[in-house]
């Protein structure tokens, strides 16, 4: 299992695979088992957003075990959280915010 960090701007945390755009993230979702997925919403001017990734997750049913929303876009976070919370299976943990530092440190030390 891998951890995936979707972001076009921020530095990828240690222990995560970076997906810098929606298409890369969707390919990882299709090809890999993902433990933790951390999503940004805005991925560059005129580029597909994190919401497109969320739609892909829902349409394919390939839910990671944990999903965090680290985006600074309040509207984007609400949109992604709403679709995920209404569709995620009970064994997927959904967090309406970024990963806590304690979790990031624990993963980085592995």
PDB file of N, CA and C in Angstrom:
ATOM      1  N   UNK A   1       0.839  -1.195   0.000  1.00  0.00           N
ATOM      2  CA  UNK A   1       0.000   0.000   0.000  1.00  0.00           C
ATOM      3  C   UNK A   1       0.876   1.249   0.000  1.00  0.00           C
ATOM      4  N   UNK A   2       0.392   2.273  -0.684  1.00  0.00           N
ATOM      5  CA  UNK A   2       1.135   3.523  -0.745  1.00  0.00           C
ATOM      6  C   UNK A   2       0.280   4.663  -0.197  1.00  0.00           C
ATOM      7  N   UNK A   3       0.946   5.772   0.085  1.00  0.00           N
ATOM      8  CA  UNK A   3       0.285   7.015   0.479  1.00  0.00           C
ATOM      9  C   UNK A   3       0.474   7.989  -0.675  1.00  0.00           C
ATOM     10  N   UNK A   4      -0.587   8.732  -1.013  1.00  0.00           N
ATOM     11  CA  UNK A   4      -0.535   9.649  -2.155  1.00  0.00           C
ATOM     12  C   UNK A   4      -0.901  11.051  -1.700  1.00  0.00           C
ATOM     13  N   UNK A   5      -0.145  12.019  -2.204  1.00  0.00           N
ATOM     14  CA  UNK A   5      -0.335  13.434  -1.884  1.00  0.00           C
ATOM     15  C   UNK A   5      -0.580  14.171  -3.192  1.00  0.00           C
ATOM     16  N   UNK A   6      -1.811  14.655  -3.394  1.00  0.00           N
ATOM     17  CA  UNK A   6      -2.176  15.390  -4.605  1.00  0.00           C
ATOM     18  C   UNK A   6      -1.997  16.878  -4.375  1.00  0.00           C
ATOM     19  N   UNK A   7      -1.041  17.474  -5.081  1.00  0.00           N
ATOM     20  CA  UNK A   7      -0.810  18.912  -4.948  1.00  0.00           C
ATOM     21  C   UNK A   7       0.120  19.377  -6.064  1.00  0.00           C
ATOM     22  N   UNK A   8      -0.168  20.530  -6.623  1.00  0.00           N
ATOM     23  CA  UNK A   8       0.677  21.072  -7.683  1.00  0.00           C
ATOM     24  C   UNK A   8       1.701  22.068  -7.167  1.00  0.00           C
ATOM     25  N   UNK A   9       1.645  22.406  -5.892  1.00  0.00           N
ATOM     26  CA  UNK A   9       2.470  23.493  -5.368  1.00  0.00           C
ATOM     27  C   UNK A   9       3.250  23.118  -4.106  1.00  0.00           C
ATOM     28  N   UNK A  10       2.565  22.529  -3.144  1.00  0.00           N
ATOM     29  CA  UNK A  10       3.190  22.218  -1.864  1.00  0.00           C
ATOM     30  C   UNK A  10       4.222  21.093  -2.000  1.00  0.00           C
ATOM     31  N   UNK A  11       5.151  21.065  -1.064  1.00  0.00           N
ATOM     32  CA  UNK A  11       6.157  20.003  -1.009  1.00  0.00           C
ATOM     33  C   UNK A  11       5.481  18.723  -0.523  1.00  0.00           C
ATOM     34  N   UNK A  12       5.796  17.645  -1.185  1.00  0.00           N
ATOM     35  CA  UNK A  12       5.233  16.346  -0.829  1.00  0.00           C
ATOM     36  C   UNK A  12       5.873  15.848   0.460  1.00  0.00           C
ATOM     37  N   UNK A  13       5.054  15.431   1.426  1.00  0.00           N
ATOM     38  CA  UNK A  13       5.621  14.905   2.680  1.00  0.00           C
ATOM     39  C   UNK A  13       6.410  13.619   2.436  1.00  0.00           C
ATOM     40  N   UNK A  14       7.405  13.396   3.258  1.00  0.00           N
ATOM     41  CA  UNK A  14       8.212  12.183   3.186  1.00  0.00           C
ATOM     42  C   UNK A  14       7.315  10.967   3.423  1.00  0.00           C
ATOM     43  N   UNK A  15       7.512   9.946   2.607  1.00  0.00           N
ATOM     44  CA  UNK A  15       6.721   8.728   2.743  1.00  0.00           C
ATOM     45  C   UNK A  15       5.500   8.699   1.844  1.00  0.00           C
ATOM     46  N   UNK A  16       5.302   9.763   1.057  1.00  0.00           N
ATOM     47  CA  UNK A  16       4.160   9.860   0.149  1.00  0.00           C
ATOM     48  C   UNK A  16       4.633   9.882  -1.298  1.00  0.00           C
ATOM     49  N   UNK A  17       3.788   9.438  -2.189  1.00  0.00           N
ATOM     50  CA  UNK A  17       4.006   9.562  -3.620  1.00  0.00           C
ATOM     51  C   UNK A  17       3.284  10.827  -4.066  1.00  0.00           C
ATOM     52  N   UNK A  18       3.969  11.688  -4.797  1.00  0.00           N
ATOM     53  CA  UNK A  18       3.371  12.930  -5.267  1.00  0.00           C
ATOM     54  C   UNK A  18       2.604  12.709  -6.562  1.00  0.00           C
ATOM     55  N   UNK A  19       1.380  13.193  -6.589  1.00  0.00           N
ATOM     56  CA  UNK A  19       0.606  13.328  -7.824  1.00  0.00           C
ATOM     57  C   UNK A  19       0.420  14.831  -8.000  1.00  0.00           C
ATOM     58  N   UNK A  20       1.015  15.387  -9.034  1.00  0.00           N
ATOM     59  CA  UNK A  20       0.969  16.841  -9.194  1.00  0.00           C
ATOM     60  C   UNK A  20      -0.214  17.318 -10.022  1.00  0.00           C
ATOM     61  N   UNK A  21      -1.015  16.374 -10.527  1.00  0.00           N
ATOM     62  CA  UNK A  21      -2.230  16.757 -11.252  1.00  0.00           C
ATOM     63  C   UNK A  21      -3.275  15.659 -11.093  1.00  0.00           C
ATOM     64  N   UNK A  22      -4.495  15.970 -11.501  1.00  0.00           N
ATOM     65  CA  UNK A  22      -5.619  15.049 -11.300  1.00  0.00           C
ATOM     66  C   UNK A  22      -5.426  13.744 -12.073  1.00  0.00           C
ATOM     67  N   UNK A  23      -4.903  13.829 -13.282  1.00  0.00           N
ATOM     68  CA  UNK A  23      -4.733  12.626 -14.103  1.00  0.00           C
ATOM     69  C   UNK A  23      -3.743  11.654 -13.465  1.00  0.00           C
ATOM     70  N   UNK A  24      -2.616  12.163 -12.964  1.00  0.00           N
ATOM     71  CA  UNK A  24      -1.646  11.296 -12.286  1.00  0.00           C
ATOM     72  C   UNK A  24      -2.275  10.622 -11.074  1.00  0.00           C
ATOM     73  N   UNK A  25      -3.073  11.381 -10.334  1.00  0.00           N
ATOM     74  CA  UNK A  25      -3.705  10.833  -9.138  1.00  0.00           C
ATOM     75  C   UNK A  25      -4.714   9.745  -9.508  1.00  0.00           C
ATOM     76  N   UNK A  26      -5.489   9.973 -10.538  1.00  0.00           N
ATOM     77  CA  UNK A  26      -6.470   8.967 -10.975  1.00  0.00           C
ATOM     78  C   UNK A  26      -5.764   7.693 -11.432  1.00  0.00           C
ATOM     79  N   UNK A  27      -4.624   7.830 -12.110  1.00  0.00           N
ATOM     80  CA  UNK A  27      -3.879   6.643 -12.530  1.00  0.00           C
ATOM     81  C   UNK A  27      -3.366   5.861 -11.324  1.00  0.00           C
ATOM     82  N   UNK A  28      -2.866   6.571 -10.319  1.00  0.00           N
ATOM     83  CA  UNK A  28      -2.419   5.884  -9.105  1.00  0.00           C
ATOM     84  C   UNK A  28      -3.587   5.173  -8.423  1.00  0.00           C
ATOM     85  N   UNK A  29      -4.731   5.817  -8.375  1.00  0.00           N
ATOM     86  CA  UNK A  29      -5.913   5.186  -7.782  1.00  0.00           C
ATOM     87  C   UNK A  29      -6.300   3.913  -8.533  1.00  0.00           C
ATOM     88  N   UNK A  30      -6.160   3.932  -9.846  1.00  0.00           N
ATOM     89  CA  UNK A  30      -6.529   2.770 -10.657  1.00  0.00           C
ATOM     90  C   UNK A  30      -5.523   1.632 -10.541  1.00  0.00           C
ATOM     91  N   UNK A  31      -4.245   1.973 -10.329  1.00  0.00           N
ATOM     92  CA  UNK A  31      -3.189   0.962 -10.404  1.00  0.00           C
ATOM     93  C   UNK A  31      -2.663   0.478  -9.058  1.00  0.00           C
ATOM     94  N   UNK A  32      -2.843   1.266  -8.010  1.00  0.00           N
ATOM     95  CA  UNK A  32      -2.242   0.956  -6.711  1.00  0.00           C
ATOM     96  C   UNK A  32      -3.312   0.831  -5.626  1.00  0.00           C
ATOM     97  N   UNK A  33      -2.950   0.155  -4.548  1.00  0.00           N
ATOM     98  CA  UNK A  33      -3.774   0.177  -3.346  1.00  0.00           C
ATOM     99  C   UNK A  33      -3.283   1.362  -2.525  1.00  0.00           C
ATOM    100  N   UNK A  34      -4.196   2.260  -2.172  1.00  0.00           N
ATOM    101  CA  UNK A  34      -3.803   3.476  -1.465  1.00  0.00           C
ATOM    102  C   UNK A  34      -4.332   3.448  -0.040  1.00  0.00           C
ATOM    103  N   UNK A  35      -3.412   3.638   0.884  1.00  0.00           N
ATOM    104  CA  UNK A  35      -3.761   3.694   2.297  1.00  0.00           C
ATOM    105  C   UNK A  35      -4.273   5.093   2.633  1.00  0.00           C
ATOM    106  N   UNK A  36      -3.417   6.108   2.461  1.00  0.00           N
ATOM    107  CA  UNK A  36      -3.786   7.484   2.762  1.00  0.00           C
ATOM    108  C   UNK A  36      -3.716   8.310   1.487  1.00  0.00           C
ATOM    109  N   UNK A  37      -4.761   9.076   1.236  1.00  0.00           N
ATOM    110  CA  UNK A  37      -4.803  10.022   0.125  1.00  0.00           C
ATOM    111  C   UNK A  37      -5.072  11.396   0.704  1.00  0.00           C
ATOM    112  N   UNK A  38      -4.205  12.353   0.395  1.00  0.00           N
ATOM    113  CA  UNK A  38      -4.396  13.732   0.845  1.00  0.00           C
ATOM    114  C   UNK A  38      -4.630  14.593  -0.393  1.00  0.00           C
ATOM    115  N   UNK A  39      -5.760  15.305  -0.408  1.00  0.00           N
ATOM    116  CA  UNK A  39      -6.201  16.007  -1.613  1.00  0.00           C
ATOM    117  C   UNK A  39      -6.143  17.519  -1.498  1.00  0.00           C
ATOM    118  N   UNK A  40      -5.623  18.132  -2.546  1.00  0.00           N
ATOM    119  CA  UNK A  40      -5.744  19.566  -2.773  1.00  0.00           C
ATOM    120  C   UNK A  40      -6.889  19.752  -3.763  1.00  0.00           C
ATOM    121  N   UNK A  41      -7.456  20.926  -3.801  1.00  0.00           N
ATOM    122  CA  UNK A  41      -8.537  21.199  -4.751  1.00  0.00           C
ATOM    123  C   UNK A  41      -8.005  21.914  -5.987  1.00  0.00           C
ATOM    124  N   UNK A  42      -7.400  23.078  -5.806  1.00  0.00           N
ATOM    125  CA  UNK A  42      -6.879  23.858  -6.927  1.00  0.00           C
ATOM    126  C   UNK A  42      -5.550  23.279  -7.386  1.00  0.00           C
ATOM    127  N   UNK A  43      -5.485  22.903  -8.670  1.00  0.00           N
ATOM    128  CA  UNK A  43      -4.298  22.241  -9.201  1.00  0.00           C
ATOM    129  C   UNK A  43      -3.705  22.975 -10.397  1.00  0.00           C
ATOM    130  N   UNK A  44      -3.835  24.273 -10.401  1.00  0.00           N
ATOM    131  CA  UNK A  44      -3.263  25.068 -11.478  1.00  0.00           C
ATOM    132  C   UNK A  44      -4.341  25.666 -12.360  1.00  0.00           C
ATOM    133  N   UNK A  45      -3.977  26.766 -12.993  1.00  0.00           N
ATOM    134  CA  UNK A  45      -4.918  27.505 -13.827  1.00  0.00           C
ATOM    135  C   UNK A  45      -5.470  26.618 -14.951  1.00  0.00           C
ATOM    136  N   UNK A  46      -6.789  26.562 -15.043  1.00  0.00           N
ATOM    137  CA  UNK A  46      -7.511  25.836 -16.094  1.00  0.00           C
ATOM    138  C   UNK A  46      -7.223  24.332 -16.100  1.00  0.00           C
ATOM    139  N   UNK A  47      -6.806  23.800 -14.963  1.00  0.00           N
ATOM    140  CA  UNK A  47      -6.537  22.365 -14.834  1.00  0.00           C
ATOM    141  C   UNK A  47      -7.673  21.695 -14.067  1.00  0.00           C
ATOM    142  N   UNK A  48      -7.899  20.398 -14.311  1.00  0.00           N
ATOM    143  CA  UNK A  48      -8.894  19.674 -13.511  1.00  0.00           C
ATOM    144  C   UNK A  48      -8.549  19.793 -12.025  1.00  0.00           C
ATOM    145  N   UNK A  49      -9.559  19.815 -11.192  1.00  0.00           N
ATOM    146  CA  UNK A  49      -9.387  20.005  -9.752  1.00  0.00           C
ATOM    147  C   UNK A  49      -9.412  18.680  -8.995  1.00  0.00           C
ATOM    148  N   UNK A  50      -9.193  18.805  -7.692  1.00  0.00           N
ATOM    149  CA  UNK A  50      -9.306  17.643  -6.830  1.00  0.00           C
ATOM    150  C   UNK A  50     -10.701  17.038  -6.844  1.00  0.00           C
ATOM    151  N   UNK A  51     -11.699  17.839  -7.175  1.00  0.00           N
ATOM    152  CA  UNK A  51     -13.063  17.312  -7.262  1.00  0.00           C
ATOM    153  C   UNK A  51     -13.161  16.256  -8.366  1.00  0.00           C
ATOM    154  N   UNK A  52     -12.405  16.440  -9.446  1.00  0.00           N
ATOM    155  CA  UNK A  52     -12.396  15.436 -10.522  1.00  0.00           C
ATOM    156  C   UNK A  52     -11.851  14.111 -10.005  1.00  0.00           C
ATOM    157  N   UNK A  53     -10.870  14.172  -9.127  1.00  0.00           N
ATOM    158  CA  UNK A  53     -10.324  12.964  -8.511  1.00  0.00           C
ATOM    159  C   UNK A  53     -11.378  12.319  -7.621  1.00  0.00           C
ATOM    160  N   UNK A  54     -12.083  13.125  -6.846  1.00  0.00           N
ATOM    161  CA  UNK A  54     -13.138  12.601  -5.976  1.00  0.00           C
ATOM    162  C   UNK A  54     -14.230  11.929  -6.812  1.00  0.00           C
ATOM    163  N   UNK A  55     -14.625  12.558  -7.899  1.00  0.00           N
ATOM    164  CA  UNK A  55     -15.633  11.944  -8.787  1.00  0.00           C
ATOM    165  C   UNK A  55     -15.132  10.606  -9.316  1.00  0.00           C
ATOM    166  N   UNK A  56     -13.861  10.532  -9.658  1.00  0.00           N
ATOM    167  CA  UNK A  56     -13.269   9.288 -10.153  1.00  0.00           C
ATOM    168  C   UNK A  56     -13.316   8.201  -9.068  1.00  0.00           C
ATOM    169  N   UNK A  57     -12.982   8.577  -7.853  1.00  0.00           N
ATOM    170  CA  UNK A  57     -13.037   7.619  -6.741  1.00  0.00           C
ATOM    171  C   UNK A  57     -14.445   7.062  -6.597  1.00  0.00           C
ATOM    172  N   UNK A  58     -15.429   7.933  -6.596  1.00  0.00           N
ATOM    173  CA  UNK A  58     -16.823   7.516  -6.419  1.00  0.00           C
ATOM    174  C   UNK A  58     -17.281   6.653  -7.596  1.00  0.00           C
ATOM    175  N   UNK A  59     -16.939   7.070  -8.817  1.00  0.00           N
ATOM    176  CA  UNK A  59     -17.375   6.329 -10.006  1.00  0.00           C
ATOM    177  C   UNK A  59     -16.744   4.949 -10.106  1.00  0.00           C
ATOM    178  N   UNK A  60     -15.475   4.821  -9.686  1.00  0.00           N
ATOM    179  CA  UNK A  60     -14.788   3.528  -9.791  1.00  0.00           C
ATOM    180  C   UNK A  60     -14.929   2.680  -8.536  1.00  0.00           C
ATOM    181  N   UNK A  61     -15.294   3.311  -7.421  1.00  0.00           N
ATOM    182  CA  UNK A  61     -15.398   2.593  -6.157  1.00  0.00           C
ATOM    183  C   UNK A  61     -14.053   2.256  -5.548  1.00  0.00           C
ATOM    184  N   UNK A  62     -12.981   2.879  -6.029  1.00  0.00           N
ATOM    185  CA  UNK A  62     -11.621   2.603  -5.518  1.00  0.00           C
ATOM    186  C   UNK A  62     -11.274   3.616  -4.433  1.00  0.00           C
ATOM    187  N   UNK A  63     -11.851   3.384  -3.264  1.00  0.00           N
ATOM    188  CA  UNK A  63     -11.666   4.284  -2.127  1.00  0.00           C
ATOM    189  C   UNK A  63     -10.401   3.932  -1.347  1.00  0.00           C
ATOM    190  N   UNK A  64      -9.549   4.928  -1.076  1.00  0.00           N
ATOM    191  CA  UNK A  64      -8.429   4.700  -0.160  1.00  0.00           C
ATOM    192  C   UNK A  64      -8.962   4.408   1.250  1.00  0.00           C
ATOM    193  N   UNK A  65      -8.077   3.908   2.103  1.00  0.00           N
ATOM    194  CA  UNK A  65      -8.499   3.629   3.485  1.00  0.00           C
ATOM    195  C   UNK A  65      -8.749   4.913   4.270  1.00  0.00           C
ATOM    196  N   UNK A  66      -7.942   5.969   4.007  1.00  0.00           N
ATOM    197  CA  UNK A  66      -8.107   7.252   4.688  1.00  0.00           C
ATOM    198  C   UNK A  66      -7.982   8.365   3.656  1.00  0.00           C
ATOM    199  N   UNK A  67      -8.822   9.389   3.786  1.00  0.00           N
ATOM    200  CA  UNK A  67      -8.767  10.534   2.882  1.00  0.00           C
ATOM    201  C   UNK A  67      -8.749  11.811   3.715  1.00  0.00           C
ATOM    202  N   UNK A  68      -7.749  12.650   3.434  1.00  0.00           N
ATOM    203  CA  UNK A  68      -7.624  13.961   4.071  1.00  0.00           C
ATOM    204  C   UNK A  68      -7.790  15.035   3.001  1.00  0.00           C
ATOM    205  N   UNK A  69      -8.317  16.170   3.393  1.00  0.00           N
ATOM    206  CA  UNK A  69      -8.509  17.294   2.481  1.00  0.00           C
ATOM    207  C   UNK A  69      -7.643  18.449   2.963  1.00  0.00           C
ATOM    208  N   UNK A  70      -6.454  18.593   2.359  1.00  0.00           N
ATOM    209  CA  UNK A  70      -5.520  19.625   2.824  1.00  0.00           C
ATOM    210  C   UNK A  70      -5.648  20.940   2.048  1.00  0.00           C
ATOM    211  N   UNK A  71      -6.644  21.048   1.198  1.00  0.00           N
ATOM    212  CA  UNK A  71      -6.807  22.231   0.360  1.00  0.00           C
ATOM    213  C   UNK A  71      -7.072  23.487   1.182  1.00  0.00           C
ATOM    214  N   UNK A  72      -6.633  24.627   0.662  1.00  0.00           N
ATOM    215  CA  UNK A  72      -6.949  25.909   1.300  1.00  0.00           C
ATOM    216  C   UNK A  72      -8.214  26.527   0.717  1.00  0.00           C
ATOM    217  N   UNK A  73      -8.811  25.863  -0.264  1.00  0.00           N
ATOM    218  CA  UNK A  73     -10.068  26.334  -0.860  1.00  0.00           C
ATOM    219  C   UNK A  73     -11.251  25.836  -0.032  1.00  0.00           C
ATOM    220  N   UNK A  74     -11.892  26.755   0.669  1.00  0.00           N
ATOM    221  CA  UNK A  74     -13.045  26.362   1.510  1.00  0.00           C
ATOM    222  C   UNK A  74     -14.174  25.781   0.663  1.00  0.00           C
ATOM    223  N   UNK A  75     -14.465  26.407  -0.458  1.00  0.00           N
ATOM    224  CA  UNK A  75     -15.545  25.919  -1.329  1.00  0.00           C
ATOM    225  C   UNK A  75     -15.180  24.549  -1.909  1.00  0.00           C
ATOM    226  N   UNK A  76     -13.933  24.384  -2.318  1.00  0.00           N
ATOM    227  CA  UNK A  76     -13.486  23.100  -2.850  1.00  0.00           C
ATOM    228  C   UNK A  76     -13.537  22.003  -1.815  1.00  0.00           C
ATOM    229  N   UNK A  77     -13.139  22.321  -0.580  1.00  0.00           N
ATOM    230  CA  UNK A  77     -13.178  21.336   0.507  1.00  0.00           C
ATOM    231  C   UNK A  77     -14.616  20.880   0.746  1.00  0.00           C
ATOM    232  N   UNK A  78     -15.543  21.826   0.808  1.00  0.00           N
ATOM    233  CA  UNK A  78     -16.953  21.485   1.043  1.00  0.00           C
ATOM    234  C   UNK A  78     -17.474  20.579  -0.062  1.00  0.00           C
ATOM    235  N   UNK A  79     -17.166  20.927  -1.303  1.00  0.00           N
ATOM    236  CA  UNK A  79     -17.630  20.152  -2.447  1.00  0.00           C
ATOM    237  C   UNK A  79     -17.075  18.721  -2.406  1.00  0.00           C
ATOM    238  N   UNK A  80     -15.778  18.589  -2.161  1.00  0.00           N
ATOM    239  CA  UNK A  80     -15.169  17.253  -2.115  1.00  0.00           C
ATOM    240  C   UNK A  80     -15.696  16.449  -0.930  1.00  0.00           C
ATOM    241  N   UNK A  81     -15.776  17.093   0.232  1.00  0.00           N
ATOM    242  CA  UNK A  81     -16.232  16.394   1.434  1.00  0.00           C
ATOM    243  C   UNK A  81     -17.670  15.899   1.264  1.00  0.00           C
ATOM    244  N   UNK A  82     -18.517  16.737   0.689  1.00  0.00           N
ATOM    245  CA  UNK A  82     -19.925  16.359   0.523  1.00  0.00           C
ATOM    246  C   UNK A  82     -20.058  15.098  -0.335  1.00  0.00           C
ATOM    247  N   UNK A  83     -19.392  15.072  -1.475  1.00  0.00           N
ATOM    248  CA  UNK A  83     -19.503  13.902  -2.344  1.00  0.00           C
ATOM    249  C   UNK A  83     -18.894  12.665  -1.685  1.00  0.00           C
ATOM    250  N   UNK A  84     -17.738  12.822  -1.061  1.00  0.00           N
ATOM    251  CA  UNK A  84     -17.108  11.674  -0.408  1.00  0.00           C
ATOM    252  C   UNK A  84     -17.934  11.158   0.762  1.00  0.00           C
ATOM    253  N   UNK A  85     -18.434  12.065   1.593  1.00  0.00           N
ATOM    254  CA  UNK A  85     -19.168  11.625   2.788  1.00  0.00           C
ATOM    255  C   UNK A  85     -20.485  10.933   2.428  1.00  0.00           C
ATOM    256  N   UNK A  86     -21.049  11.269   1.279  1.00  0.00           N
ATOM    257  CA  UNK A  86     -22.302  10.634   0.882  1.00  0.00           C
ATOM    258  C   UNK A  86     -22.071   9.329   0.110  1.00  0.00           C
ATOM    259  N   UNK A  87     -20.817   9.024  -0.221  1.00  0.00           N
ATOM    260  CA  UNK A  87     -20.540   7.863  -1.060  1.00  0.00           C
ATOM    261  C   UNK A  87     -19.549   6.862  -0.471  1.00  0.00           C
ATOM    262  N   UNK A  88     -18.742   7.279   0.473  1.00  0.00           N
ATOM    263  CA  UNK A  88     -17.661   6.426   0.973  1.00  0.00           C
ATOM    264  C   UNK A  88     -18.196   5.231   1.751  1.00  0.00           C
ATOM    265  N   UNK A  89     -17.540   4.078   1.588  1.00  0.00           N
ATOM    266  CA  UNK A  89     -17.921   2.925   2.412  1.00  0.00           C
ATOM    267  C   UNK A  89     -17.547   3.175   3.870  1.00  0.00           C
ATOM    268  N   UNK A  90     -18.139   2.405   4.749  1.00  0.00           N
ATOM    269  CA  UNK A  90     -17.937   2.628   6.179  1.00  0.00           C
ATOM    270  C   UNK A  90     -16.495   2.394   6.628  1.00  0.00           C
ATOM    271  N   UNK A  91     -15.717   1.622   5.862  1.00  0.00           N
ATOM    272  CA  UNK A  91     -14.332   1.374   6.276  1.00  0.00           C
ATOM    273  C   UNK A  91     -13.355   2.434   5.762  1.00  0.00           C
ATOM    274  N   UNK A  92     -13.848   3.438   5.047  1.00  0.00           N
ATOM    275  CA  UNK A  92     -13.009   4.568   4.633  1.00  0.00           C
ATOM    276  C   UNK A  92     -13.167   5.686   5.650  1.00  0.00           C
ATOM    277  N   UNK A  93     -12.034   6.153   6.161  1.00  0.00           N
ATOM    278  CA  UNK A  93     -12.064   7.259   7.123  1.00  0.00           C
ATOM    279  C   UNK A  93     -11.842   8.555   6.360  1.00  0.00           C
ATOM    280  N   UNK A  94     -12.765   9.494   6.529  1.00  0.00           N
ATOM    281  CA  UNK A  94     -12.724  10.775   5.827  1.00  0.00           C
ATOM    282  C   UNK A  94     -12.501  11.895   6.829  1.00  0.00           C
ATOM    283  N   UNK A  95     -11.510  12.755   6.544  1.00  0.00           N
ATOM    284  CA  UNK A  95     -11.167  13.862   7.427  1.00  0.00           C
ATOM    285  C   UNK A  95     -11.299  15.173   6.664  1.00  0.00           C
ATOM    286  N   UNK A  96     -12.048  16.101   7.226  1.00  0.00           N
ATOM    287  CA  UNK A  96     -12.307  17.383   6.572  1.00  0.00           C
ATOM    288  C   UNK A  96     -11.229  18.392   6.935  1.00  0.00           C
ATOM    289  N   UNK A  97      -9.993  18.039   6.638  1.00  0.00           N
ATOM    290  CA  UNK A  97      -8.857  18.899   6.934  1.00  0.00           C
ATOM    291  C   UNK A  97      -7.566  18.166   6.654  1.00  0.00           C
ATOM    292  N   UNK A  98      -6.431  18.825   6.901  1.00  0.00           N
ATOM    293  CA  UNK A  98      -5.125  18.217   6.615  1.00  0.00           C
ATOM    294  C   UNK A  98      -4.729  17.169   7.650  1.00  0.00           C
ATOM    295  N   UNK A  99      -3.727  16.391   7.296  1.00  0.00           N
ATOM    296  CA  UNK A  99      -3.192  15.384   8.208  1.00  0.00           C
ATOM    297  C   UNK A  99      -2.524  16.069   9.391  1.00  0.00           C
ATOM    298  N   UNK A 100      -2.688  15.521  10.592  1.00  0.00           N
ATOM    299  CA  UNK A 100      -1.990  16.096  11.745  1.00  0.00           C
ATOM    300  C   UNK A 100      -0.487  15.845  11.651  1.00  0.00           C
ATOM    301  N   UNK A 101       0.283  16.736  12.239  1.00  0.00           N
ATOM    302  CA  UNK A 101       1.742  16.611  12.222  1.00  0.00           C
ATOM    303  C   UNK A 101       2.215  15.293  12.818  1.00  0.00           C
ATOM    304  N   UNK A 102       1.512  14.788  13.829  1.00  0.00           N
ATOM    305  CA  UNK A 102       1.925  13.536  14.450  1.00  0.00           C
ATOM    306  C   UNK A 102       1.877  12.398  13.427  1.00  0.00           C
ATOM    307  N   UNK A 103       0.855  12.360  12.588  1.00  0.00           N
ATOM    308  CA  UNK A 103       0.751  11.330  11.560  1.00  0.00           C
ATOM    309  C   UNK A 103       1.835  11.519  10.496  1.00  0.00           C
ATOM    310  N   UNK A 104       2.056  12.756  10.070  1.00  0.00           N
ATOM    311  CA  UNK A 104       3.102  13.026   9.081  1.00  0.00           C
ATOM    312  C   UNK A 104       4.472  12.600   9.598  1.00  0.00           C
ATOM    313  N   UNK A 105       4.756  12.896  10.848  1.00  0.00           N
ATOM    314  CA  UNK A 105       6.040  12.507  11.450  1.00  0.00           C
ATOM    315  C   UNK A 105       6.168  10.995  11.553  1.00  0.00           C
ATOM    316  N   UNK A 106       5.088  10.324  11.935  1.00  0.00           N
ATOM    317  CA  UNK A 106       5.104   8.866  12.054  1.00  0.00           C
ATOM    318  C   UNK A 106       5.393   8.214  10.697  1.00  0.00           C
ATOM    319  N   UNK A 107       4.758   8.691   9.645  1.00  0.00           N
ATOM    320  CA  UNK A 107       4.974   8.139   8.309  1.00  0.00           C
ATOM    321  C   UNK A 107       6.393   8.432   7.837  1.00  0.00           C
ATOM    322  N   UNK A 108       6.883   9.640   8.091  1.00  0.00           N
ATOM    323  CA  UNK A 108       8.235  10.023   7.658  1.00  0.00           C
ATOM    324  C   UNK A 108       9.310   9.168   8.317  1.00  0.00           C
ATOM    325  N   UNK A 109       9.042   8.675   9.527  1.00  0.00           N
ATOM    326  CA  UNK A 109      10.034   7.886  10.262  1.00  0.00           C
ATOM    327  C   UNK A 109      10.038   6.410   9.874  1.00  0.00           C
ATOM    328  N   UNK A 110       9.076   5.982   9.107  1.00  0.00           N
ATOM    329  CA  UNK A 110       9.006   4.556   8.714  1.00  0.00           C
ATOM    330  C   UNK A 110      10.061   4.217   7.698  1.00  0.00           C
TER     331      UNK A 110
END
